[in-house]
Amino acid sequence: MKKLILVLTIFLLNSCAVQPPQQTQETTSGPAAELMAQADQQAANGENAQAIALLERAVRIEPRNGYAWLHLAKLHFDSGDLNKAEQFALKATQFAGGDKVLEQECQEFLDKVRLQLKQRS
């Protein structure tokens, strides 16, 4: 009986353990994050082609960075390439890694892209 209580106590304590917050890909630093920041500036200046090139480099450096894929998808959407926008948004979803904010952003963006695709056909 004492063993059962001990096991249940350990189980309950483990299930209540506080997990450190996951570091999102948006907050990473390094070359990919720097390229993403540069891409944001290029896009703000209306230079989507240059911004896309920078983000393509960022995803080559960090291919599992869901935020970089979503940024890339949005730029393709703004450039009118809905097929690439959808493709890259799906990649972003694939690499969301349990990041609920990114998952929600991806789903909302995919809904927007698919509505546009439907209206075109």
Protein backbone atom coordinates (compact mmCIF):
# COMPACT_ATOMS: atom_id res chain seq x y z
CA MET A 1 0.00 0.00 0.00
CA LYS A 2 2.84 2.38 0.88
CA LYS A 3 4.49 1.65 -2.49
CA LEU A 4 1.26 2.51 -4.29
CA ILE A 5 0.98 5.81 -2.44
CA LEU A 6 4.62 6.58 -3.19
CA VAL A 7 4.17 5.79 -6.89
CA LEU A 8 1.00 7.90 -7.11
CA THR A 9 2.69 10.78 -5.31
CA ILE A 10 5.64 10.70 -7.71
CA PHE A 11 3.29 10.51 -10.68
CA LEU A 12 1.28 13.51 -9.46
CA LEU A 13 4.39 15.55 -8.74
CA ASN A 14 5.81 14.83 -12.19
CA SER A 15 2.57 15.78 -13.89
CA CYS A 16 2.57 19.11 -12.03
CA ALA A 17 6.14 19.97 -12.90
CA VAL A 18 6.53 23.36 -14.49
CA GLN A 19 7.95 23.13 -17.99
CA PRO A 20 10.13 25.99 -19.22
CA PRO A 21 8.57 27.92 -22.08
CA GLN A 22 9.58 26.64 -25.48
CA GLN A 23 11.77 29.00 -27.42
CA THR A 24 9.93 29.83 -30.58
CA GLN A 25 11.65 29.99 -33.89
CA GLU A 26 10.64 33.65 -34.11
CA THR A 27 12.96 34.47 -31.23
CA THR A 28 16.03 32.65 -32.49
CA SER A 29 19.13 34.60 -33.25
CA GLY A 30 21.85 34.05 -35.77
CA PRO A 31 22.21 34.29 -39.52
CA ALA A 32 18.67 33.15 -40.36
CA ALA A 33 17.08 35.64 -37.98
CA GLU A 34 19.27 38.39 -39.40
CA LEU A 35 18.20 37.49 -42.94
CA MET A 36 14.55 37.51 -41.84
CA ALA A 37 14.97 41.01 -40.41
CA GLN A 38 16.61 42.19 -43.63
CA ALA A 39 13.78 40.60 -45.63
CA ASP A 40 11.22 42.48 -43.54
CA GLN A 41 12.98 45.75 -44.38
CA GLN A 42 13.15 44.91 -48.09
CA ALA A 43 9.45 44.02 -48.11
CA ALA A 44 8.59 47.25 -46.29
CA ASN A 45 10.41 49.11 -49.07
CA GLY A 46 8.34 47.26 -51.68
CA GLU A 47 11.26 45.11 -52.81
CA ASN A 48 9.54 41.72 -52.63
CA ALA A 49 11.92 39.93 -54.98
CA GLN A 50 14.90 40.83 -52.81
CA ALA A 51 12.97 39.93 -49.65
CA ILE A 52 12.05 36.53 -51.13
CA ALA A 53 15.71 35.88 -52.00
CA LEU A 54 16.75 36.68 -48.43
CA LEU A 55 14.09 34.40 -46.97
CA GLU A 56 15.08 31.60 -49.32
CA ARG A 57 18.59 31.87 -47.89
CA ALA A 58 17.16 31.86 -44.36
CA VAL A 59 15.25 28.62 -44.94
CA ARG A 60 18.34 27.03 -46.45
CA ILE A 61 20.19 27.88 -43.23
CA GLU A 62 17.30 26.86 -40.94
CA PRO A 63 15.03 24.58 -42.96
CA ARG A 64 12.88 23.79 -39.90
CA ASN A 65 12.12 27.46 -39.11
CA GLY A 66 8.35 27.69 -39.47
CA TYR A 67 8.33 31.47 -39.13
CA ALA A 68 10.72 31.88 -42.05
CA TRP A 69 8.52 29.60 -44.19
CA LEU A 70 5.41 31.58 -43.25
CA HIS A 71 7.13 34.90 -44.08
CA LEU A 72 8.14 33.43 -47.42
CA ALA A 73 4.57 32.26 -48.05
CA LYS A 74 3.19 35.73 -47.32
CA LEU A 75 5.61 37.38 -49.72
CA HIS A 76 4.64 34.99 -52.49
CA PHE A 77 1.00 35.75 -51.75
CA ASP A 78 1.70 39.48 -52.03
CA SER A 79 3.48 38.80 -55.33
CA GLY A 80 0.43 36.94 -56.63
CA ASP A 81 1.89 33.42 -56.57
CA LEU A 82 -0.88 31.68 -54.63
CA ASN A 83 0.40 28.17 -55.32
CA LYS A 84 3.79 28.88 -53.75
CA ALA A 85 2.07 30.76 -50.93
CA GLU A 86 0.01 27.68 -50.12
CA GLN A 87 2.98 25.33 -50.48
CA PHE A 88 5.19 27.37 -48.15
CA ALA A 89 2.40 27.92 -45.61
CA LEU A 90 2.01 24.14 -45.43
CA LYS A 91 5.76 23.88 -44.79
CA ALA A 92 5.42 26.44 -42.01
CA THR A 93 2.65 24.37 -40.45
CA GLN A 94 4.81 21.26 -40.71
CA PHE A 95 7.58 22.98 -38.75
CA ALA A 96 5.40 24.76 -36.18
CA GLY A 97 6.59 22.23 -33.59
CA GLY A 98 3.67 22.74 -31.23
CA ASP A 99 3.92 26.55 -31.36
CA LYS A 100 0.21 27.35 -31.06
CA VAL A 101 0.65 30.95 -32.21
CA LEU A 102 2.43 29.86 -35.38
CA GLU A 103 -0.08 27.08 -36.00
CA GLN A 104 -2.94 29.59 -35.72
CA GLU A 105 -1.22 32.09 -38.03
CA CYS A 106 -0.58 29.35 -40.57
CA GLN A 107 -4.18 28.16 -40.52
CA GLU A 108 -5.58 31.66 -40.92
CA PHE A 109 -3.18 32.37 -43.76
CA LEU A 110 -3.98 29.05 -45.48
CA ASP A 111 -7.68 29.87 -45.27
CA LYS A 112 -6.99 33.23 -46.93
CA VAL A 113 -4.88 31.66 -49.70
CA ARG A 114 -7.39 28.90 -50.40
CA LEU A 115 -10.23 31.41 -50.61
CA GLN A 116 -8.26 33.34 -53.23
CA LEU A 117 -7.47 30.14 -55.13
CA LYS A 118 -11.15 29.17 -55.09
CA GLN A 119 -12.18 32.59 -56.38
CA ARG A 120 -9.71 32.32 -59.27
CA SER A 121 -11.03 28.98 -60.50
